Amino acid sequence: GDQEETVKDQIRRLSYDDDERDDTKYLEIRTHFSLDKIAEFDEKRYRSDASLQWLKRFIYDMKGTRMPQNSWCEPFSLSLGRAAKSW
């Protein structure tokens, strides 16, 4: 992704259906948690507890969306893997 792309932008981009790229159709996060409040993964070494807490919170907030897990888990996992290689 783009260096300037925010977590919010990444989630919205990944939530589009491949066949329909419609700006009105994006990931629905539970109403109690705004996309603007999702903390960015800081990719710093030796922060495993904070990283794990971030990941647990992210997955919790993805539950209840209309997206099938495989449409957001795999791209997210690949992104996380690239970050881990830079540690």
C-alpha atoms as a PDB file:
ATOM      1  CA  GLY A   1       0.000   0.000   0.000  1.00  0.00           C
ATOM      2  CA  ASP A   2       0.836   3.652  -0.211  1.00  0.00           C
ATOM      3  CA  GLN A   3       2.954   5.082   2.637  1.00  0.00           C
ATOM      4  CA  GLU A   4       0.328   7.785   3.184  1.00  0.00           C
ATOM      5  CA  GLU A   5      -2.562   5.308   3.189  1.00  0.00           C
ATOM      6  CA  THR A   6      -4.186   5.055   6.607  1.00  0.00           C
ATOM      7  CA  VAL A   7      -5.515   1.923   8.279  1.00  0.00           C
ATOM      8  CA  LYS A   8      -8.987   3.285   7.584  1.00  0.00           C
ATOM      9  CA  ASP A   9      -8.164   3.606   3.868  1.00  0.00           C
ATOM     10  CA  GLN A  10      -6.672   0.100   3.730  1.00  0.00           C
ATOM     11  CA  ILE A  11      -9.735  -1.463   5.331  1.00  0.00           C
ATOM     12  CA  ARG A  12     -12.079   0.375   3.006  1.00  0.00           C
ATOM     13  CA  ARG A  13      -9.989  -0.601  -0.045  1.00  0.00           C
ATOM     14  CA  LEU A  14      -9.861  -4.264   0.996  1.00  0.00           C
ATOM     15  CA  SER A  15     -13.592  -4.332   1.711  1.00  0.00           C
ATOM     16  CA  TYR A  16     -14.650  -3.695  -1.890  1.00  0.00           C
ATOM     17  CA  ASP A  17     -15.962  -6.651  -3.856  1.00  0.00           C
ATOM     18  CA  ASP A  18     -13.682  -7.480  -6.784  1.00  0.00           C
ATOM     19  CA  ASP A  19     -16.583  -7.186  -9.230  1.00  0.00           C
ATOM     20  CA  GLU A  20     -18.049  -4.015  -7.788  1.00  0.00           C
ATOM     21  CA  ARG A  21     -15.831  -1.095  -6.916  1.00  0.00           C
ATOM     22  CA  ASP A  22     -18.527   1.221  -5.661  1.00  0.00           C
ATOM     23  CA  ASP A  23     -17.699   4.048  -3.251  1.00  0.00           C
ATOM     24  CA  THR A  24     -21.021   3.508  -1.483  1.00  0.00           C
ATOM     25  CA  LYS A  25     -20.162  -0.097  -0.627  1.00  0.00           C
ATOM     26  CA  TYR A  26     -17.475  -0.402   2.023  1.00  0.00           C
ATOM     27  CA  LEU A  27     -16.720  -2.390   5.131  1.00  0.00           C
ATOM     28  CA  GLU A  28     -19.239  -1.998   7.907  1.00  0.00           C
ATOM     29  CA  ILE A  29     -17.481  -1.829  11.272  1.00  0.00           C
ATOM     30  CA  ARG A  30     -19.589  -2.239  14.390  1.00  0.00           C
ATOM     31  CA  THR A  31     -21.167   1.066  15.292  1.00  0.00           C
ATOM     32  CA  HIS A  32     -19.386   1.251  18.658  1.00  0.00           C
ATOM     33  CA  PHE A  33     -15.979   1.449  16.983  1.00  0.00           C
ATOM     34  CA  SER A  34     -15.081   4.065  14.386  1.00  0.00           C
ATOM     35  CA  LEU A  35     -12.536   3.306  11.661  1.00  0.00           C
ATOM     36  CA  ASP A  36     -10.772   6.515  12.669  1.00  0.00           C
ATOM     37  CA  LYS A  37     -10.092   5.053  16.110  1.00  0.00           C
ATOM     38  CA  ILE A  38      -8.321   1.880  14.977  1.00  0.00           C
ATOM     39  CA  ALA A  39      -4.736   2.281  16.135  1.00  0.00           C
ATOM     40  CA  GLU A  40      -2.094   1.755  13.477  1.00  0.00           C
ATOM     41  CA  PHE A  41       0.254  -1.201  13.845  1.00  0.00           C
ATOM     42  CA  ASP A  42       3.575   0.508  14.555  1.00  0.00           C
ATOM     43  CA  GLU A  43       5.804  -2.354  13.308  1.00  0.00           C
ATOM     44  CA  LYS A  44       8.330  -1.904  16.121  1.00  0.00           C
ATOM     45  CA  ARG A  45      10.343  -4.812  17.422  1.00  0.00           C
ATOM     46  CA  TYR A  46       9.837  -6.016  20.997  1.00  0.00           C
ATOM     47  CA  ARG A  47       6.296  -4.756  21.125  1.00  0.00           C
ATOM     48  CA  SER A  48       4.705  -8.187  20.829  1.00  0.00           C
ATOM     49  CA  ASP A  49       2.195  -7.640  23.658  1.00  0.00           C
ATOM     50  CA  ALA A  50       0.970  -4.353  22.202  1.00  0.00           C
ATOM     51  CA  SER A  51       0.889  -5.855  18.703  1.00  0.00           C
ATOM     52  CA  LEU A  52      -1.096  -8.857  19.876  1.00  0.00           C
ATOM     53  CA  GLN A  53      -3.590  -6.619  21.668  1.00  0.00           C
ATOM     54  CA  TRP A  54      -3.960  -4.527  18.497  1.00  0.00           C
ATOM     55  CA  LEU A  55      -4.551  -7.660  16.422  1.00  0.00           C
ATOM     56  CA  LYS A  56      -7.125  -9.048  18.871  1.00  0.00           C
ATOM     57  CA  ARG A  57      -8.985  -5.718  18.876  1.00  0.00           C
ATOM     58  CA  PHE A  58      -8.899  -5.546  15.062  1.00  0.00           C
ATOM     59  CA  ILE A  59     -10.289  -9.074  14.664  1.00  0.00           C
ATOM     60  CA  TYR A  60     -12.975  -8.426  17.275  1.00  0.00           C
ATOM     61  CA  ASP A  61     -14.088  -5.327  15.383  1.00  0.00           C
ATOM     62  CA  MET A  62     -14.153  -7.198  12.064  1.00  0.00           C
ATOM     63  CA  LYS A  63     -16.654  -9.709  13.443  1.00  0.00           C
ATOM     64  CA  GLY A  64     -20.192  -8.829  12.569  1.00  0.00           C
ATOM     65  CA  THR A  65     -19.290  -7.267   9.238  1.00  0.00           C
ATOM     66  CA  ARG A  66     -20.831  -8.575   6.057  1.00  0.00           C
ATOM     67  CA  MET A  67     -17.446  -9.544   4.623  1.00  0.00           C
ATOM     68  CA  PRO A  68     -16.401 -13.197   4.455  1.00  0.00           C
ATOM     69  CA  GLN A  69     -13.262 -13.754   6.536  1.00  0.00           C
ATOM     70  CA  ASN A  70     -11.136 -14.887   3.607  1.00  0.00           C
ATOM     71  CA  SER A  71     -11.630 -11.530   1.865  1.00  0.00           C
ATOM     72  CA  TRP A  72      -9.971  -9.539   4.648  1.00  0.00           C
ATOM     73  CA  CYS A  73      -7.886 -12.103   6.591  1.00  0.00           C
ATOM     74  CA  GLU A  74      -5.553 -13.093   3.768  1.00  0.00           C
ATOM     75  CA  PRO A  75      -4.657  -9.549   2.570  1.00  0.00           C
ATOM     76  CA  PHE A  76      -4.266  -8.463   6.197  1.00  0.00           C
ATOM     77  CA  SER A  77      -2.088 -11.477   6.981  1.00  0.00           C
ATOM     78  CA  LEU A  78       0.146 -10.779   3.975  1.00  0.00           C
ATOM     79  CA  SER A  79       0.472  -7.150   5.027  1.00  0.00           C
ATOM     80  CA  LEU A  80       1.357  -8.188   8.574  1.00  0.00           C
ATOM     81  CA  GLY A  81       3.915 -10.675   7.225  1.00  0.00           C
ATOM     82  CA  ARG A  82       5.660  -7.946   5.224  1.00  0.00           C
ATOM     83  CA  ALA A  83       5.834  -5.792   8.355  1.00  0.00           C
ATOM     84  CA  ALA A  84       7.291  -8.674  10.381  1.00  0.00           C
ATOM     85  CA  LYS A  85      10.090  -9.159   7.837  1.00  0.00           C
ATOM     86  CA  SER A  86      11.251  -5.597   8.495  1.00  0.00           C
ATOM     87  CA  TRP A  87      11.751  -6.345  12.202  1.00  0.00           C
END
